[in-house]
Amino acid sequence: MQETKIRRPEFKTPTPGPKARAFIERDHAVTSPSYIKEYPLVVERGEGSWIYDVDGNSYLDFMAGIAVASTGHAHPKVVKAIQDSAAKFLHICGTDFYYETMIGLCEKLSKAVPAMGESKVFLTNSGTEAIEGAIKLARYHTRRSKIIAFKGAFHGRTMGAITLNASKATQKAHFGPLLPDVYHLPYSNPYRCAYSHEKSWCETNCVCANKIEEELFTSQFAPDEVAAIFVEPIQGEGGYIMPALKFLKDLRAVCDKYKIMLVFDEVQSGIGRTGKMFAAETLGVTPDVILTAKGIASGMPIGAIIAKTSVMTWGRGSHGSTYGGNPVCCAAALATISIIEEKMPEIRSVGEFMMTELKKLQKKHSSIGDLRGVALMIGCEFIKKDGSPATEYVSKLEQLAFTKGLLLLSCGKSTIRFAPPLIITEDEVKVGLEILDQCLSELGPA
């Protein structure tokens, strides 16, 4: 039997090539300076877990457009769903009229977390729009104004969302005044506990949620003024941080005690990335509201507010959207969810394989600190000899990996997020980690 050849990145030019440099020059002349542009990748097309640039170079994608390309690039079933839907009609406005794909997607999402019980869905254009809608819903339902969020959080780029953010000061600088009545507390991070506890102690005895009652309710305001607690069950931009499970359970208890809405921002952790449709299921803690976007439609712009029927009490005309729930996006989402549901066992097994292989690299390279995550949402923190975050090292690693054909993306102070397409194979993981190993050997200790 002929042995199957393992696919690897291929280069026809140095990176960036001549065509890429020309596009980059054109881009800089006309696009907003607010765009970050991590490295000089100019994409022509994608296929599965692979990206091709305009010069014909191929790259293995370990970041999936920031966890968006959940079924990989140009999955044929998703492409066909988009084409079939677009041939019927492009828009009619789901706020005002009815169509099957919107109804079908809402039916699917309303049953995605059985522990939530009876639920209803509002479709949005993006994750940040889902955050804005959830802020409105929480204040409407509770008739309260105050909101609690966490340090390290990232919830989006619109005004309410950046108020909830606490990951990078640049996201808020000079945009004030921001939304009033928002308060931030430390997020549970057993590896770097805000209260200097040892990791083993913190994982079992996390006190972060208790600080809500100690630091806020005792001295600053009464709990019956709080509408909602917004939290990422696994922090994304903040560093792919897995909290102590006790932290999330304690948040649920605080919300139950004071009739506060618990909102899970699963824009990055949802749609199969943790091995179940949502991290709420993976972690066994049920919120009142789940917010999703990113991977829900393999790259088409759509998000959702999934809320218990008991809390989605806003009235007719209280909220709406011209494009939210666009029929083509809904078709892409239905196809995406179907693919991911079938792939769920493989997502878990490939994720376990990736974590096992990363732990081997951790023993080999002193620059690797904490490894954390579940399924295909894994954070690899890089540290200096003294244990402090190796921020500049991670930036160099990103750039070096790009020149070798591996697309990486950082988060937090010094963490590489491994969020590849959910259809990635073990062979592709092997290739990517071989390149990572080469890069770490070249860079040496941080």
Protein backbone atom coordinates (compact mmCIF):
# COMPACT_ATOMS: atom_id res chain seq x y z
CA MET A 1 0.00 0.00 0.00
CA GLN A 2 1.34 3.42 -0.95
CA GLU A 3 2.06 5.64 2.02
CA THR A 4 0.03 8.85 2.12
CA LYS A 5 2.25 11.90 1.78
CA ILE A 6 1.88 14.32 4.68
CA ARG A 7 1.15 17.82 3.47
CA ARG A 8 3.50 20.62 4.50
CA PRO A 9 3.75 24.36 3.82
CA GLU A 10 5.27 25.22 0.45
CA PHE A 11 6.94 28.43 -0.69
CA LYS A 12 7.37 29.82 -4.19
CA THR A 13 8.73 33.18 -2.99
CA PRO A 14 10.12 34.63 0.24
CA THR A 15 7.41 36.05 2.50
CA PRO A 16 6.01 38.51 1.79
CA GLY A 17 6.41 37.95 -1.95
CA PRO A 18 6.33 40.66 -4.63
CA LYS A 19 2.55 40.51 -5.18
CA ALA A 20 1.94 40.60 -1.42
CA ARG A 21 4.18 43.66 -1.00
CA ALA A 22 2.29 45.47 -3.75
CA PHE A 23 -1.06 44.75 -2.08
CA ILE A 24 0.28 45.85 1.31
CA GLU A 25 1.45 49.16 -0.19
CA ARG A 26 -2.02 49.74 -1.68
CA ASP A 27 -3.66 48.84 1.62
CA HIS A 28 -1.57 51.25 3.69
CA ALA A 29 -2.56 54.10 1.38
CA VAL A 30 -6.31 53.76 1.92
CA THR A 31 -7.21 51.77 5.06
CA SER A 32 -7.68 52.94 8.62
CA PRO A 33 -4.53 53.10 10.76
CA SER A 34 -6.50 51.37 13.55
CA TYR A 35 -6.06 47.99 11.85
CA ILE A 36 -3.42 45.89 13.63
CA LYS A 37 -2.13 43.60 10.83
CA GLU A 38 -0.25 40.89 12.75
CA TYR A 39 2.08 39.90 9.91
CA PRO A 40 2.31 40.46 6.14
CA LEU A 41 -0.10 37.73 5.02
CA VAL A 42 -2.08 38.62 1.88
CA VAL A 43 -4.65 35.86 1.35
CA GLU A 44 -5.80 34.67 -2.06
CA ARG A 45 -7.77 31.58 -1.05
CA GLY A 46 -8.18 28.91 1.60
CA GLU A 47 -8.87 25.20 1.65
CA GLY A 48 -9.56 23.27 4.84
CA SER A 49 -6.79 24.04 7.34
CA TRP A 50 -4.64 25.72 4.67
CA ILE A 51 -4.24 29.28 3.41
CA TYR A 52 -2.66 30.34 0.10
CA ASP A 53 -1.26 33.82 -0.37
CA VAL A 54 -1.23 35.86 -3.56
CA ASP A 55 2.28 34.64 -4.42
CA GLY A 56 1.26 30.97 -4.26
CA ASN A 57 2.78 30.20 -0.86
CA SER A 58 0.82 27.86 1.42
CA TYR A 59 0.43 28.08 5.20
CA LEU A 60 -0.98 25.78 7.86
CA ASP A 61 -3.60 27.71 9.80
CA PHE A 62 -3.52 27.35 13.60
CA MET A 63 -5.64 30.43 14.31
CA ALA A 64 -8.62 30.14 11.91
CA GLY A 65 -9.13 33.88 11.51
CA ILE A 66 -9.32 34.25 15.31
CA ALA A 67 -11.41 31.08 15.84
CA VAL A 68 -13.88 32.01 13.08
CA ALA A 69 -13.20 29.51 10.28
CA SER A 70 -14.60 26.67 12.37
CA THR A 71 -15.18 24.25 9.47
CA GLY A 72 -11.97 25.34 7.78
CA HIS A 73 -11.69 27.51 4.71
CA ALA A 74 -14.26 27.13 1.91
CA HIS A 75 -15.86 23.96 3.27
CA PRO A 76 -17.86 22.61 0.30
CA LYS A 77 -21.05 22.05 2.31
CA VAL A 78 -20.97 25.60 3.69
CA VAL A 79 -20.16 27.07 0.28
CA LYS A 80 -23.08 25.17 -1.29
CA ALA A 81 -25.45 26.33 1.45
CA ILE A 82 -24.39 29.93 0.80
CA GLN A 83 -24.77 29.58 -2.97
CA ASP A 84 -28.19 27.92 -2.72
CA SER A 85 -29.46 30.55 -0.32
CA ALA A 86 -28.05 33.47 -2.30
CA ALA A 87 -29.81 32.20 -5.43
CA LYS A 88 -33.17 32.53 -3.64
CA PHE A 89 -32.94 35.94 -1.95
CA LEU A 90 -30.25 37.97 -0.20
CA HIS A 91 -32.30 39.98 2.27
CA ILE A 92 -35.79 40.65 3.59
CA CYS A 93 -35.10 41.70 7.26
CA GLY A 94 -35.80 39.14 9.96
CA THR A 95 -36.95 41.83 12.38
CA ASP A 96 -40.02 42.43 10.21
CA PHE A 97 -40.68 39.25 8.23
CA TYR A 98 -40.36 35.45 8.38
CA TYR A 99 -38.22 32.90 6.54
CA GLU A 100 -37.30 29.28 7.15
CA THR A 101 -33.54 29.50 7.64
CA MET A 102 -33.85 32.09 10.41
CA ILE A 103 -36.51 30.03 12.17
CA GLY A 104 -34.47 26.86 11.74
CA LEU A 105 -31.30 28.42 13.15
CA CYS A 106 -33.16 29.84 16.15
CA GLU A 107 -34.71 26.42 16.77
CA LYS A 108 -31.26 24.81 16.66
CA LEU A 109 -29.63 27.35 18.99
CA SER A 110 -32.52 27.37 21.45
CA LYS A 111 -31.87 23.67 22.11
CA ALA A 112 -28.06 23.87 22.07
CA VAL A 113 -27.71 23.86 25.88
CA PRO A 114 -30.45 21.62 27.28
CA ALA A 115 -29.69 22.66 30.88
CA MET A 116 -30.90 26.18 30.06
CA GLY A 117 -34.40 24.84 29.53
CA GLU A 118 -36.82 26.78 27.36
CA SER A 119 -34.87 29.45 25.47
CA LYS A 120 -35.34 32.10 22.82
CA VAL A 121 -32.86 33.58 20.34
CA PHE A 122 -32.10 37.01 18.93
CA LEU A 123 -29.78 37.01 15.90
CA THR A 124 -27.13 39.69 15.46
CA ASN A 125 -24.43 40.64 12.95
CA SER A 126 -21.47 40.03 15.26
CA GLY A 127 -20.25 39.19 18.74
CA THR A 128 -19.93 42.78 19.86
CA GLU A 129 -23.51 43.43 18.73
CA ALA A 130 -24.61 40.43 20.80
CA ILE A 131 -22.89 42.02 23.80
CA GLU A 132 -24.68 45.33 23.22
CA GLY A 133 -28.02 43.54 22.93
CA ALA A 134 -27.39 41.55 26.10
CA ILE A 135 -26.59 44.72 28.05
CA LYS A 136 -29.94 46.14 26.94
CA LEU A 137 -31.75 42.89 27.72
CA ALA A 138 -30.25 42.65 31.22
CA ARG A 139 -31.20 46.20 32.10
CA TYR A 140 -34.65 45.83 30.58
CA HIS A 141 -35.44 42.55 32.33
CA THR A 142 -34.09 43.44 35.78
CA ARG A 143 -34.86 47.18 35.76
CA ARG A 144 -31.36 47.56 37.23
CA SER A 145 -28.33 49.38 35.80
CA LYS A 146 -25.08 48.10 37.23
CA ILE A 147 -22.96 45.46 35.47
CA ILE A 148 -20.00 43.45 36.73
CA ALA A 149 -17.23 42.33 34.38
CA PHE A 150 -13.68 41.05 34.83
CA LYS A 151 -10.09 42.11 34.36
CA GLY A 152 -8.55 40.62 31.24
CA ALA A 153 -11.94 40.57 29.52
CA PHE A 154 -12.51 41.25 25.85
CA HIS A 155 -16.10 41.63 24.67
CA GLY A 156 -15.82 43.63 21.45
CA ARG A 157 -15.22 47.07 19.97
CA THR A 158 -18.51 48.97 20.28
CA MET A 159 -19.11 51.40 23.14
CA GLY A 160 -20.83 49.09 25.61
CA ALA A 161 -18.45 46.26 24.77
CA ILE A 162 -15.29 48.30 25.26
CA THR A 163 -16.64 49.45 28.61
CA LEU A 164 -16.78 45.79 29.65
CA ASN A 165 -13.28 45.19 28.24
CA ALA A 166 -10.25 45.18 30.51
CA SER A 167 -7.50 43.56 28.47
CA LYS A 168 -5.74 46.41 26.64
CA ALA A 169 -5.90 50.12 27.50
CA THR A 170 -5.67 51.09 23.82
CA GLN A 171 -9.13 49.65 23.25
CA LYS A 172 -10.63 52.36 25.49
CA ALA A 173 -8.20 55.24 25.19
CA HIS A 174 -9.81 58.59 24.27
CA PHE A 175 -13.25 57.06 23.59
CA GLY A 176 -14.86 58.22 26.83
CA PRO A 177 -17.14 58.85 28.51
CA LEU A 178 -18.01 55.16 28.42
CA LEU A 179 -21.03 53.26 29.71
CA PRO A 180 -21.71 54.12 33.37
CA ASP A 181 -22.19 51.63 36.21
CA VAL A 182 -19.69 48.98 35.04
CA TYR A 183 -17.31 47.45 37.60
CA HIS A 184 -14.34 45.12 37.10
CA LEU A 185 -12.96 42.44 39.41
CA PRO A 186 -10.10 39.92 39.01
CA TYR A 187 -10.79 36.91 36.81
CA SER A 188 -9.89 33.49 38.18
CA ASN A 189 -6.44 32.57 36.85
CA PRO A 190 -4.90 29.70 38.83
CA TYR A 191 -1.56 30.12 37.03
CA ARG A 192 -1.24 33.78 37.97
CA CYS A 193 -3.67 34.19 40.86
CA ALA A 194 -4.60 37.82 41.52
CA TYR A 195 -4.33 37.09 45.25
CA SER A 196 -0.94 35.29 45.00
CA HIS A 197 -2.26 31.84 45.88
CA GLU A 198 -0.49 28.70 44.70
CA LYS A 199 -2.04 27.15 41.59
CA SER A 200 -3.07 23.94 43.34
CA TRP A 201 -4.79 25.92 46.12
CA CYS A 202 -6.43 28.37 43.74
CA GLU A 203 -7.90 25.68 41.48
CA THR A 204 -9.77 24.18 44.43
CA ASN A 205 -10.43 27.21 46.62
CA CYS A 206 -10.79 30.12 44.18
CA VAL A 207 -12.00 33.22 46.03
CA CYS A 208 -12.43 35.57 43.06
CA ALA A 209 -16.23 35.31 43.00
CA ASN A 210 -16.41 35.97 46.74
CA LYS A 211 -14.83 39.37 46.11
CA ILE A 212 -18.08 40.47 44.47
CA GLU A 213 -19.79 40.38 47.82
CA GLU A 214 -16.74 41.49 49.81
CA GLU A 215 -15.47 44.33 47.60
CA LEU A 216 -18.66 45.56 45.94
CA PHE A 217 -21.81 44.65 47.83
CA THR A 218 -20.39 45.41 51.28
CA SER A 219 -19.01 48.87 50.61
CA GLN A 220 -19.99 50.22 47.17
CA PHE A 221 -23.57 49.34 46.25
CA ALA A 222 -26.42 46.99 47.03
CA PRO A 223 -26.78 43.75 45.04
CA ASP A 224 -30.33 44.67 44.01
CA GLU A 225 -28.79 47.39 41.81
CA VAL A 226 -26.89 44.82 39.68
CA ALA A 227 -28.45 43.75 36.40
CA ALA A 228 -25.89 41.21 35.19
CA ILE A 229 -22.48 39.64 35.50
CA PHE A 230 -20.76 39.31 32.11
CA VAL A 231 -18.02 36.70 31.98
CA GLU A 232 -16.11 34.61 29.47
CA PRO A 233 -16.27 31.03 30.82
CA ILE A 234 -12.83 30.63 29.23
CA GLN A 235 -11.10 33.97 28.66
CA GLY A 236 -10.07 34.55 25.04
CA GLU A 237 -8.13 37.75 24.34
CA GLY A 238 -7.08 37.81 28.00
CA GLY A 239 -4.87 34.76 27.48
CA TYR A 240 -6.98 31.64 26.86
CA ILE A 241 -7.37 31.30 30.60
CA MET A 242 -9.18 28.34 32.13
CA PRO A 243 -10.66 29.54 35.42
CA ALA A 244 -11.06 27.43 38.49
CA LEU A 245 -14.40 25.66 38.09
CA LYS A 246 -15.35 26.86 41.57
CA PHE A 247 -15.18 30.43 40.26
CA LEU A 248 -17.96 29.86 37.71
CA LYS A 249 -20.06 27.87 40.17
CA ASP A 250 -19.72 30.65 42.73
CA LEU A 251 -20.78 33.24 40.13
CA ARG A 252 -23.89 31.16 39.47
CA ALA A 253 -24.60 31.04 43.21
CA VAL A 254 -24.17 34.82 43.60
CA CYS A 255 -26.54 35.44 40.69
CA ASP A 256 -29.14 33.03 42.09
CA LYS A 257 -28.90 34.60 45.53
CA TYR A 258 -29.46 38.17 44.33
CA LYS A 259 -31.53 37.56 41.14
CA ILE A 260 -28.73 38.82 38.89
CA MET A 261 -28.47 37.64 35.27
CA LEU A 262 -25.40 35.52 34.50
CA VAL A 263 -24.23 36.15 30.92
CA PHE A 264 -21.63 33.91 29.29
CA ASP A 265 -19.70 35.52 26.45
CA GLU A 266 -18.98 32.45 24.30
CA VAL A 267 -18.13 34.37 21.17
CA GLN A 268 -14.75 32.63 21.10
CA SER A 269 -15.38 29.48 23.18
CA GLY A 270 -18.67 28.46 21.57
CA ILE A 271 -19.71 26.35 18.56
CA GLY A 272 -17.75 23.21 19.32
CA ARG A 273 -14.37 24.69 20.18
CA THR A 274 -14.32 23.09 23.65
CA GLY A 275 -15.56 19.70 22.42
CA LYS A 276 -19.21 20.49 23.10
CA MET A 277 -21.36 23.08 21.44
CA PHE A 278 -20.72 25.56 24.25
CA ALA A 279 -18.23 25.80 27.12
CA ALA A 280 -21.23 26.06 29.47
CA GLU A 281 -21.82 22.36 28.76
CA THR A 282 -18.13 21.48 28.91
CA LEU A 283 -17.73 23.15 32.31
CA GLY A 284 -21.14 22.20 33.67
CA VAL A 285 -22.30 25.69 34.69
CA THR A 286 -25.51 27.05 33.21
CA PRO A 287 -25.88 30.80 32.56
CA ASP A 288 -29.09 32.75 31.90
CA VAL A 289 -27.73 34.03 28.58
CA ILE A 290 -25.15 32.72 26.11
CA LEU A 291 -23.66 35.00 23.46
CA THR A 292 -22.15 33.49 20.34
CA ALA A 293 -20.66 34.58 16.99
CA LYS A 294 -17.24 33.92 15.39
CA GLY A 295 -17.36 30.21 14.41
CA ILE A 296 -21.12 29.94 14.08
CA ALA A 297 -21.16 30.37 10.27
CA SER A 298 -17.59 29.56 9.21
CA GLY A 299 -16.81 33.20 8.45
CA MET A 300 -20.16 34.69 7.47
CA PRO A 301 -21.14 37.62 9.74
CA ILE A 302 -23.72 36.46 12.27
CA GLY A 303 -24.05 36.18 16.04
CA ALA A 304 -26.74 35.33 18.55
CA ILE A 305 -28.16 36.06 21.97
CA ILE A 306 -29.49 32.80 23.43
CA ALA A 307 -31.48 33.50 26.58
CA LYS A 308 -33.75 31.61 28.90
CA THR A 309 -37.35 32.44 27.98
CA SER A 310 -37.83 33.63 31.55
CA VAL A 311 -35.33 36.48 31.04
CA MET A 312 -35.93 37.37 27.38
CA THR A 313 -38.81 39.61 28.39
CA TRP A 314 -38.24 42.73 26.30
CA GLY A 315 -41.30 43.80 24.37
CA ARG A 316 -42.15 44.22 20.71
CA GLY A 317 -39.90 46.84 19.12
CA SER A 318 -37.53 47.02 22.11
CA HIS A 319 -34.66 45.68 20.02
CA GLY A 320 -34.13 44.91 16.36
CA SER A 321 -31.62 44.59 13.53
CA THR A 322 -31.72 45.26 9.81
CA TYR A 323 -29.17 42.60 8.84
CA GLY A 324 -29.07 40.34 11.90
CA GLY A 325 -30.20 36.87 10.86
CA ASN A 326 -29.51 37.50 7.18
CA PRO A 327 -30.84 34.47 5.23
CA VAL A 328 -27.51 33.64 3.59
CA CYS A 329 -25.70 33.81 6.93
CA CYS A 330 -28.37 31.65 8.55
CA ALA A 331 -27.92 29.02 5.83
CA ALA A 332 -24.16 29.05 6.41
CA ALA A 333 -24.70 28.72 10.16
CA LEU A 334 -27.04 25.74 9.80
CA ALA A 335 -24.52 23.97 7.55
CA THR A 336 -21.67 24.82 9.94
CA ILE A 337 -23.45 23.52 13.02
CA SER A 338 -24.39 20.30 11.22
CA ILE A 339 -20.76 19.67 10.27
CA ILE A 340 -19.49 20.42 13.77
CA GLU A 341 -22.08 18.19 15.43
CA GLU A 342 -20.82 15.27 13.34
CA LYS A 343 -17.18 16.15 14.06
CA MET A 344 -17.51 16.59 17.84
CA PRO A 345 -15.78 13.31 18.87
CA GLU A 346 -12.89 14.09 16.52
CA ILE A 347 -12.62 17.64 17.87
CA ARG A 348 -12.15 16.23 21.35
CA SER A 349 -9.66 13.54 20.31
CA VAL A 350 -7.54 15.85 18.11
CA GLY A 351 -7.55 18.43 20.90
CA GLU A 352 -6.30 15.82 23.38
CA PHE A 353 -3.60 14.84 20.89
CA MET A 354 -2.51 18.46 20.46
CA MET A 355 -2.30 18.99 24.23
CA THR A 356 -0.27 15.78 24.67
CA GLU A 357 2.20 16.85 21.98
CA LEU A 358 2.47 20.36 23.42
CA LYS A 359 3.33 18.89 26.82
CA LYS A 360 6.23 17.05 25.14
CA LEU A 361 7.47 20.38 23.77
CA GLN A 362 7.02 21.93 27.22
CA LYS A 363 9.56 19.45 28.63
CA LYS A 364 11.98 20.30 25.82
CA HIS A 365 11.73 24.10 25.82
CA SER A 366 12.08 26.12 29.03
CA SER A 367 10.31 29.06 27.39
CA ILE A 368 6.95 27.24 27.63
CA GLY A 369 5.23 27.99 30.92
CA ASP A 370 1.60 27.12 31.53
CA LEU A 371 -0.43 24.98 29.13
CA ARG A 372 -4.17 25.22 29.54
CA GLY A 373 -7.38 24.63 27.68
CA VAL A 374 -9.74 22.00 26.42
CA ALA A 375 -10.32 20.38 23.01
CA LEU A 376 -9.20 22.86 20.32
CA MET A 377 -9.06 25.93 22.55
CA ILE A 378 -5.55 25.76 24.01
CA GLY A 379 -3.34 28.48 25.43
CA CYS A 380 0.45 28.12 25.60
CA GLU A 381 2.07 30.74 27.81
CA PHE A 382 5.70 31.70 27.23
CA ILE A 383 7.88 32.86 30.08
CA LYS A 384 11.31 34.29 30.80
CA LYS A 385 13.80 32.55 33.09
CA ASP A 386 12.32 34.36 36.10
CA GLY A 387 8.80 33.18 35.23
CA SER A 388 7.54 36.56 34.03
CA PRO A 389 5.62 36.88 30.74
CA ALA A 390 7.84 36.79 27.63
CA THR A 391 5.89 39.31 25.58
CA GLU A 392 8.57 40.24 23.02
CA TYR A 393 9.52 36.58 22.60
CA VAL A 394 5.96 35.70 21.56
CA SER A 395 5.98 38.47 18.96
CA LYS A 396 9.22 37.08 17.50
CA LEU A 397 7.76 33.56 17.54
CA GLU A 398 4.69 34.68 15.59
CA GLN A 399 6.80 36.30 12.89
CA LEU A 400 9.28 33.42 12.63
CA ALA A 401 6.50 30.83 12.40
CA PHE A 402 4.92 32.83 9.58
CA THR A 403 8.12 32.65 7.53
CA LYS A 404 8.06 28.85 7.98
CA GLY A 405 4.42 28.49 6.96
CA LEU A 406 2.59 28.30 10.29
CA LEU A 407 -0.06 30.90 11.15
CA LEU A 408 -0.17 31.68 14.87
CA LEU A 409 -1.88 34.37 16.91
CA SER A 410 -1.10 35.60 20.41
CA CYS A 411 -3.36 36.71 23.24
CA GLY A 412 -2.90 37.95 26.80
CA LYS A 413 0.59 39.14 27.73
CA SER A 414 2.58 36.23 26.31
CA THR A 415 0.30 33.42 25.20
CA ILE A 416 -0.08 31.75 21.83
CA ARG A 417 -3.66 30.64 21.25
CA PHE A 418 -4.11 27.36 19.43
CA ALA A 419 -7.53 27.70 17.80
CA PRO A 420 -7.24 25.91 14.45
CA PRO A 421 -10.16 24.98 12.23
CA LEU A 422 -12.20 22.31 13.99
CA ILE A 423 -11.68 19.96 11.04
CA ILE A 424 -7.90 19.87 11.50
CA THR A 425 -6.31 16.40 11.47
CA GLU A 426 -3.69 14.83 13.72
CA ASP A 427 -1.22 14.82 10.82
CA GLU A 428 -1.73 18.57 10.37
CA VAL A 429 -1.26 19.10 14.11
CA LYS A 430 2.00 17.15 13.90
CA VAL A 431 3.25 19.32 11.05
CA GLY A 432 2.35 22.52 12.86
CA LEU A 433 4.01 21.48 16.10
CA GLU A 434 7.13 20.37 14.23
CA ILE A 435 7.39 23.91 12.86
CA LEU A 436 6.77 25.33 16.33
CA ASP A 437 9.55 23.11 17.70
CA GLN A 438 11.93 24.39 15.02
CA CYS A 439 11.07 27.99 15.83
CA LEU A 440 11.59 27.52 19.56
CA SER A 441 14.93 25.82 18.95
CA GLU A 442 16.05 28.75 16.77
CA LEU A 443 14.88 31.37 19.24
CA GLY A 444 16.30 29.60 22.30
CA PRO A 445 15.23 30.46 25.88
CA ALA A 446 13.11 33.57 26.34
